[in-house]
Amino acid sequence: MFLHVQYQDHRHDFVEANHLDKLIELRQIKQFFRPSEGRWVDIHIDKVRGIGGDYSGPERRRNHLPETSA
């Protein structure tokens, strides 16, 4: 799947979806079109996937099971 992106210098391109994380991490793109929402996502304003996000809430991806005493 290819995604429509806009680079920091305002050029537009289509990139493979699996390259999006790296482009976000390297801050090479300004925005990308999110087909599931039918809109452009600005990586400086909107919540996006990728590395380096500022999330201070509880970890929800790991399965934390309470310890049980035997």
PDB file of N, CA and C in Angstrom:
ATOM      1  N   MET A   1       0.838  -1.175   0.000  1.00  0.00           N
ATOM      2  CA  MET A   1       0.000   0.000   0.000  1.00  0.00           C
ATOM      3  C   MET A   1       0.886   1.243   0.000  1.00  0.00           C
ATOM      4  N   PHE A   2       0.518   2.213  -0.803  1.00  0.00           N
ATOM      5  CA  PHE A   2       1.261   3.464  -0.876  1.00  0.00           C
ATOM      6  C   PHE A   2       0.462   4.578  -0.215  1.00  0.00           C
ATOM      7  N   LEU A   3       1.173   5.485   0.457  1.00  0.00           N
ATOM      8  CA  LEU A   3       0.547   6.619   1.117  1.00  0.00           C
ATOM      9  C   LEU A   3       1.060   7.915   0.512  1.00  0.00           C
ATOM     10  N   HIS A   4       0.170   8.875   0.418  1.00  0.00           N
ATOM     11  CA  HIS A   4       0.502  10.194  -0.102  1.00  0.00           C
ATOM     12  C   HIS A   4       1.116  10.993   1.042  1.00  0.00           C
ATOM     13  N   VAL A   5       2.322  11.516   0.834  1.00  0.00           N
ATOM     14  CA  VAL A   5       3.011  12.300   1.856  1.00  0.00           C
ATOM     15  C   VAL A   5       3.396  13.663   1.295  1.00  0.00           C
ATOM     16  N   GLN A   6       3.572  14.605   2.224  1.00  0.00           N
ATOM     17  CA  GLN A   6       4.121  15.911   1.866  1.00  0.00           C
ATOM     18  C   GLN A   6       5.381  16.102   2.698  1.00  0.00           C
ATOM     19  N   TYR A   7       6.492  16.326   2.016  1.00  0.00           N
ATOM     20  CA  TYR A   7       7.764  16.535   2.697  1.00  0.00           C
ATOM     21  C   TYR A   7       7.829  17.935   3.299  1.00  0.00           C
ATOM     22  N   GLN A   8       8.829  18.165   4.133  1.00  0.00           N
ATOM     23  CA  GLN A   8       9.011  19.464   4.782  1.00  0.00           C
ATOM     24  C   GLN A   8       9.166  20.608   3.773  1.00  0.00           C
ATOM     25  N   ASP A   9       9.719  20.296   2.598  1.00  0.00           N
ATOM     26  CA  ASP A   9       9.912  21.324   1.572  1.00  0.00           C
ATOM     27  C   ASP A   9       8.693  21.455   0.646  1.00  0.00           C
ATOM     28  N   HIS A  10       7.561  20.864   1.063  1.00  0.00           N
ATOM     29  CA  HIS A  10       6.261  20.954   0.383  1.00  0.00           C
ATOM     30  C   HIS A  10       6.150  20.094  -0.876  1.00  0.00           C
ATOM     31  N   ARG A  11       7.169  19.291  -1.200  1.00  0.00           N
ATOM     32  CA  ARG A  11       7.033  18.341  -2.312  1.00  0.00           C
ATOM     33  C   ARG A  11       6.090  17.225  -1.895  1.00  0.00           C
ATOM     34  N   HIS A  12       5.364  16.675  -2.856  1.00  0.00           N
ATOM     35  CA  HIS A  12       4.458  15.558  -2.603  1.00  0.00           C
ATOM     36  C   HIS A  12       5.028  14.300  -3.237  1.00  0.00           C
ATOM     37  N   ASP A  13       4.692  13.154  -2.632  1.00  0.00           N
ATOM     38  CA  ASP A  13       5.176  11.881  -3.135  1.00  0.00           C
ATOM     39  C   ASP A  13       4.252  10.776  -2.620  1.00  0.00           C
ATOM     40  N   PHE A  14       4.414   9.591  -3.161  1.00  0.00           N
ATOM     41  CA  PHE A  14       3.746   8.403  -2.669  1.00  0.00           C
ATOM     42  C   PHE A  14       4.827   7.461  -2.182  1.00  0.00           C
ATOM     43  N   VAL A  15       4.697   6.978  -0.945  1.00  0.00           N
ATOM     44  CA  VAL A  15       5.696   6.088  -0.363  1.00  0.00           C
ATOM     45  C   VAL A  15       5.009   4.826   0.151  1.00  0.00           C
ATOM     46  N   GLU A  16       5.768   3.754   0.227  1.00  0.00           N
ATOM     47  CA  GLU A  16       5.221   2.523   0.775  1.00  0.00           C
ATOM     48  C   GLU A  16       4.893   2.731   2.254  1.00  0.00           C
ATOM     49  N   ALA A  17       3.771   2.177   2.673  1.00  0.00           N
ATOM     50  CA  ALA A  17       3.296   2.369   4.046  1.00  0.00           C
ATOM     51  C   ALA A  17       4.334   1.943   5.080  1.00  0.00           C
ATOM     52  N   ASN A  18       5.112   0.903   4.773  1.00  0.00           N
ATOM     53  CA  ASN A  18       6.104   0.442   5.756  1.00  0.00           C
ATOM     54  C   ASN A  18       7.284   1.405   5.897  1.00  0.00           C
ATOM     55  N   HIS A  19       7.379   2.431   5.069  1.00  0.00           N
ATOM     56  CA  HIS A  19       8.436   3.446   5.187  1.00  0.00           C
ATOM     57  C   HIS A  19       7.972   4.663   5.990  1.00  0.00           C
ATOM     58  N   LEU A  20       6.693   4.730   6.277  1.00  0.00           N
ATOM     59  CA  LEU A  20       6.147   5.913   6.949  1.00  0.00           C
ATOM     60  C   LEU A  20       6.765   6.133   8.324  1.00  0.00           C
ATOM     61  N   ASP A  21       6.912   5.088   9.123  1.00  0.00           N
ATOM     62  CA  ASP A  21       7.491   5.231  10.464  1.00  0.00           C
ATOM     63  C   ASP A  21       8.864   5.892  10.416  1.00  0.00           C
ATOM     64  N   LYS A  22       9.687   5.462   9.484  1.00  0.00           N
ATOM     65  CA  LYS A  22      11.053   6.010   9.386  1.00  0.00           C
ATOM     66  C   LYS A  22      11.010   7.479   8.965  1.00  0.00           C
ATOM     67  N   LEU A  23      10.142   7.817   8.019  1.00  0.00           N
ATOM     68  CA  LEU A  23      10.025   9.216   7.587  1.00  0.00           C
ATOM     69  C   LEU A  23       9.557  10.103   8.734  1.00  0.00           C
ATOM     70  N   ILE A  24       8.640   9.588   9.558  1.00  0.00           N
ATOM     71  CA  ILE A  24       8.175  10.350  10.726  1.00  0.00           C
ATOM     72  C   ILE A  24       9.308  10.493  11.732  1.00  0.00           C
ATOM     73  N   GLU A  25       9.997   9.399  12.009  1.00  0.00           N
ATOM     74  CA  GLU A  25      11.095   9.414  12.972  1.00  0.00           C
ATOM     75  C   GLU A  25      12.179  10.419  12.571  1.00  0.00           C
ATOM     76  N   LEU A  26      12.491  10.460  11.286  1.00  0.00           N
ATOM     77  CA  LEU A  26      13.528  11.369  10.787  1.00  0.00           C
ATOM     78  C   LEU A  26      13.008  12.780  10.530  1.00  0.00           C
ATOM     79  N   ARG A  27      11.710  12.969  10.786  1.00  0.00           N
ATOM     80  CA  ARG A  27      11.045  14.265  10.590  1.00  0.00           C
ATOM     81  C   ARG A  27      11.233  14.793   9.168  1.00  0.00           C
ATOM     82  N   GLN A  28      11.163  13.871   8.211  1.00  0.00           N
ATOM     83  CA  GLN A  28      11.327  14.260   6.817  1.00  0.00           C
ATOM     84  C   GLN A  28      10.023  14.678   6.163  1.00  0.00           C
ATOM     85  N   ILE A  29       8.900  14.314   6.782  1.00  0.00           N
ATOM     86  CA  ILE A  29       7.626  14.690   6.186  1.00  0.00           C
ATOM     87  C   ILE A  29       6.883  15.656   7.091  1.00  0.00           C
ATOM     88  N   LYS A  30       6.060  16.465   6.462  1.00  0.00           N
ATOM     89  CA  LYS A  30       5.237  17.433   7.181  1.00  0.00           C
ATOM     90  C   LYS A  30       3.876  16.815   7.496  1.00  0.00           C
ATOM     91  N   GLN A  31       3.343  16.076   6.539  1.00  0.00           N
ATOM     92  CA  GLN A  31       2.045  15.455   6.730  1.00  0.00           C
ATOM     93  C   GLN A  31       1.886  14.270   5.792  1.00  0.00           C
ATOM     94  N   PHE A  32       0.891  13.444   6.101  1.00  0.00           N
ATOM     95  CA  PHE A  32       0.548  12.335   5.226  1.00  0.00           C
ATOM     96  C   PHE A  32      -0.965  12.188   5.213  1.00  0.00           C
ATOM     97  N   PHE A  33      -1.464  11.579   4.140  1.00  0.00           N
ATOM     98  CA  PHE A  33      -2.901  11.389   4.008  1.00  0.00           C
ATOM     99  C   PHE A  33      -3.275  10.060   4.633  1.00  0.00           C
ATOM    100  N   ARG A  34      -4.186  10.109   5.620  1.00  0.00           N
ATOM    101  CA  ARG A  34      -4.639   8.902   6.308  1.00  0.00           C
ATOM    102  C   ARG A  34      -5.962   8.474   5.686  1.00  0.00           C
ATOM    103  N   PRO A  35      -5.930   7.468   4.787  1.00  0.00           N
ATOM    104  CA  PRO A  35      -7.140   7.055   4.068  1.00  0.00           C
ATOM    105  C   PRO A  35      -8.288   6.630   4.982  1.00  0.00           C
ATOM    106  N   SER A  36      -7.967   6.013   6.116  1.00  0.00           N
ATOM    107  CA  SER A  36      -9.024   5.538   7.010  1.00  0.00           C
ATOM    108  C   SER A  36      -9.855   6.678   7.580  1.00  0.00           C
ATOM    109  N   GLU A  37      -9.267   7.887   7.648  1.00  0.00           N
ATOM    110  CA  GLU A  37      -9.984   9.058   8.156  1.00  0.00           C
ATOM    111  C   GLU A  37     -10.352  10.021   7.027  1.00  0.00           C
ATOM    112  N   GLY A  38      -9.799   9.770   5.840  1.00  0.00           N
ATOM    113  CA  GLY A  38     -10.084  10.643   4.707  1.00  0.00           C
ATOM    114  C   GLY A  38      -9.565  12.057   4.887  1.00  0.00           C
ATOM    115  N   ARG A  39      -8.399  12.190   5.546  1.00  0.00           N
ATOM    116  CA  ARG A  39      -7.847  13.532   5.795  1.00  0.00           C
ATOM    117  C   ARG A  39      -6.330  13.492   5.907  1.00  0.00           C
ATOM    118  N   TRP A  40      -5.744  14.687   5.793  1.00  0.00           N
ATOM    119  CA  TRP A  40      -4.309  14.854   5.973  1.00  0.00           C
ATOM    120  C   TRP A  40      -4.001  14.911   7.465  1.00  0.00           C
ATOM    121  N   VAL A  41      -2.915  14.275   7.867  1.00  0.00           N
ATOM    122  CA  VAL A  41      -2.464  14.257   9.248  1.00  0.00           C
ATOM    123  C   VAL A  41      -1.159  15.029   9.319  1.00  0.00           C
ATOM    124  N   ASP A  42      -1.138  16.081  10.130  1.00  0.00           N
ATOM    125  CA  ASP A  42       0.061  16.892  10.331  1.00  0.00           C
ATOM    126  C   ASP A  42       0.849  16.255  11.471  1.00  0.00           C
ATOM    127  N   ILE A  43       2.076  15.834  11.213  1.00  0.00           N
ATOM    128  CA  ILE A  43       2.825  15.111  12.233  1.00  0.00           C
ATOM    129  C   ILE A  43       3.223  15.992  13.409  1.00  0.00           C
ATOM    130  N   HIS A  44       3.128  17.309  13.275  1.00  0.00           N
ATOM    131  CA  HIS A  44       3.475  18.214  14.369  1.00  0.00           C
ATOM    132  C   HIS A  44       2.276  18.508  15.265  1.00  0.00           C
ATOM    133  N   ILE A  45       1.078  18.210  14.790  1.00  0.00           N
ATOM    134  CA  ILE A  45      -0.136  18.545  15.534  1.00  0.00           C
ATOM    135  C   ILE A  45      -0.915  17.296  15.936  1.00  0.00           C
ATOM    136  N   ASP A  46      -1.142  16.412  14.979  1.00  0.00           N
ATOM    137  CA  ASP A  46      -1.978  15.240  15.203  1.00  0.00           C
ATOM    138  C   ASP A  46      -1.208  14.086  15.844  1.00  0.00           C
ATOM    139  N   LYS A  47      -1.956  13.170  16.438  1.00  0.00           N
ATOM    140  CA  LYS A  47      -1.347  11.961  16.979  1.00  0.00           C
ATOM    141  C   LYS A  47      -0.974  11.058  15.817  1.00  0.00           C
ATOM    142  N   VAL A  48       0.263  10.595  15.845  1.00  0.00           N
ATOM    143  CA  VAL A  48       0.739   9.723  14.769  1.00  0.00           C
ATOM    144  C   VAL A  48       1.498   8.555  15.358  1.00  0.00           C
ATOM    145  N   ARG A  49       1.647   7.534  14.528  1.00  0.00           N
ATOM    146  CA  ARG A  49       2.468   6.418  14.954  1.00  0.00           C
ATOM    147  C   ARG A  49       3.921   6.818  14.799  1.00  0.00           C
ATOM    148  N   GLY A  50       4.788   5.981  15.256  1.00  0.00           N
ATOM    149  CA  GLY A  50       6.204   6.265  15.089  1.00  0.00           C
ATOM    150  C   GLY A  50       6.924   6.346  16.410  1.00  0.00           C
ATOM    151  N   ILE A  51       8.157   6.711  16.338  1.00  0.00           N
ATOM    152  CA  ILE A  51       9.016   6.742  17.504  1.00  0.00           C
ATOM    153  C   ILE A  51       9.159   8.173  17.985  1.00  0.00           C
ATOM    154  N   GLY A  52       9.271   8.329  19.286  1.00  0.00           N
ATOM    155  CA  GLY A  52       9.551   9.643  19.822  1.00  0.00           C
ATOM    156  C   GLY A  52       8.346  10.414  20.296  1.00  0.00           C
ATOM    157  N   GLY A  53       7.203   9.762  20.413  1.00  0.00           N
ATOM    158  CA  GLY A  53       6.023  10.451  20.901  1.00  0.00           C
ATOM    159  C   GLY A  53       6.150  10.806  22.371  1.00  0.00           C
ATOM    160  N   ASP A  54       5.428  11.820  22.805  1.00  0.00           N
ATOM    161  CA  ASP A  54       5.455  12.263  24.196  1.00  0.00           C
ATOM    162  C   ASP A  54       4.209  11.759  24.912  1.00  0.00           C
ATOM    163  N   TYR A  55       4.189  10.491  25.247  1.00  0.00           N
ATOM    164  CA  TYR A  55       3.055   9.910  25.944  1.00  0.00           C
ATOM    165  C   TYR A  55       3.469   9.641  27.365  1.00  0.00           C
ATOM    166  N   SER A  56       2.736  10.208  28.325  1.00  0.00           N
ATOM    167  CA  SER A  56       3.105  10.019  29.727  1.00  0.00           C
ATOM    168  C   SER A  56       2.082   9.189  30.489  1.00  0.00           C
ATOM    169  N   GLY A  57       1.157   8.585  29.794  1.00  0.00           N
ATOM    170  CA  GLY A  57       0.133   7.773  30.442  1.00  0.00           C
ATOM    171  C   GLY A  57       0.613   6.370  30.726  1.00  0.00           C
ATOM    172  N   PRO A  58      -0.294   5.530  31.205  1.00  0.00           N
ATOM    173  CA  PRO A  58       0.086   4.154  31.536  1.00  0.00           C
ATOM    174  C   PRO A  58       0.384   3.326  30.296  1.00  0.00           C
ATOM    175  N   GLU A  59       1.277   2.357  30.458  1.00  0.00           N
ATOM    176  CA  GLU A  59       1.613   1.439  29.362  1.00  0.00           C
ATOM    177  C   GLU A  59       0.414   0.543  29.115  1.00  0.00           C
ATOM    178  N   ARG A  60      -0.071   0.525  27.871  1.00  0.00           N
ATOM    179  CA  ARG A  60      -1.241  -0.277  27.550  1.00  0.00           C
ATOM    180  C   ARG A  60      -0.921  -1.407  26.591  1.00  0.00           C
ATOM    181  N   ARG A  61       0.262  -1.467  26.069  1.00  0.00           N
ATOM    182  CA  ARG A  61       0.587  -2.469  25.070  1.00  0.00           C
ATOM    183  C   ARG A  61       1.094  -3.768  25.682  1.00  0.00           C
ATOM    184  N   ARG A  62       1.623  -3.702  26.859  1.00  0.00           N
ATOM    185  CA  ARG A  62       2.136  -4.903  27.507  1.00  0.00           C
ATOM    186  C   ARG A  62       1.034  -5.514  28.359  1.00  0.00           C
ATOM    187  N   ASN A  63       1.071  -6.799  28.466  1.00  0.00           N
ATOM    188  CA  ASN A  63       0.085  -7.505  29.268  1.00  0.00           C
ATOM    189  C   ASN A  63       0.627  -7.643  30.687  1.00  0.00           C
ATOM    190  N   HIS A  64       0.212  -6.750  31.580  1.00  0.00           N
ATOM    191  CA  HIS A  64       0.665  -6.786  32.958  1.00  0.00           C
ATOM    192  C   HIS A  64      -0.329  -7.606  33.781  1.00  0.00           C
ATOM    193  N   LEU A  65       0.088  -8.781  34.177  1.00  0.00           N
ATOM    194  CA  LEU A  65      -0.751  -9.627  34.998  1.00  0.00           C
ATOM    195  C   LEU A  65      -0.356  -9.432  36.455  1.00  0.00           C
ATOM    196  N   PRO A  66      -1.323  -9.351  37.325  1.00  0.00           N
ATOM    197  CA  PRO A  66      -0.968  -9.190  38.739  1.00  0.00           C
ATOM    198  C   PRO A  66      -0.258 -10.442  39.262  1.00  0.00           C
ATOM    199  N   GLU A  67       0.710 -10.200  40.111  1.00  0.00           N
ATOM    200  CA  GLU A  67       1.421 -11.326  40.704  1.00  0.00           C
ATOM    201  C   GLU A  67       0.514 -11.997  41.714  1.00  0.00           C
ATOM    202  N   THR A  68       0.539 -13.306  41.736  1.00  0.00           N
ATOM    203  CA  THR A  68      -0.282 -14.051  42.688  1.00  0.00           C
ATOM    204  C   THR A  68       0.635 -14.759  43.665  1.00  0.00           C
ATOM    205  N   SER A  69       0.202 -14.831  44.903  1.00  0.00           N
ATOM    206  CA  SER A  69       1.005 -15.564  45.869  1.00  0.00           C
ATOM    207  C   SER A  69       0.538 -17.013  45.921  1.00  0.00           C
ATOM    208  N   ALA A  70       1.463 -17.892  45.967  1.00  0.00           N
ATOM    209  CA  ALA A  70       1.124 -19.313  45.938  1.00  0.00           C
ATOM    210  C   ALA A  70       1.012 -19.892  47.329  1.00  0.00           C
TER     211      ALA A  70
END
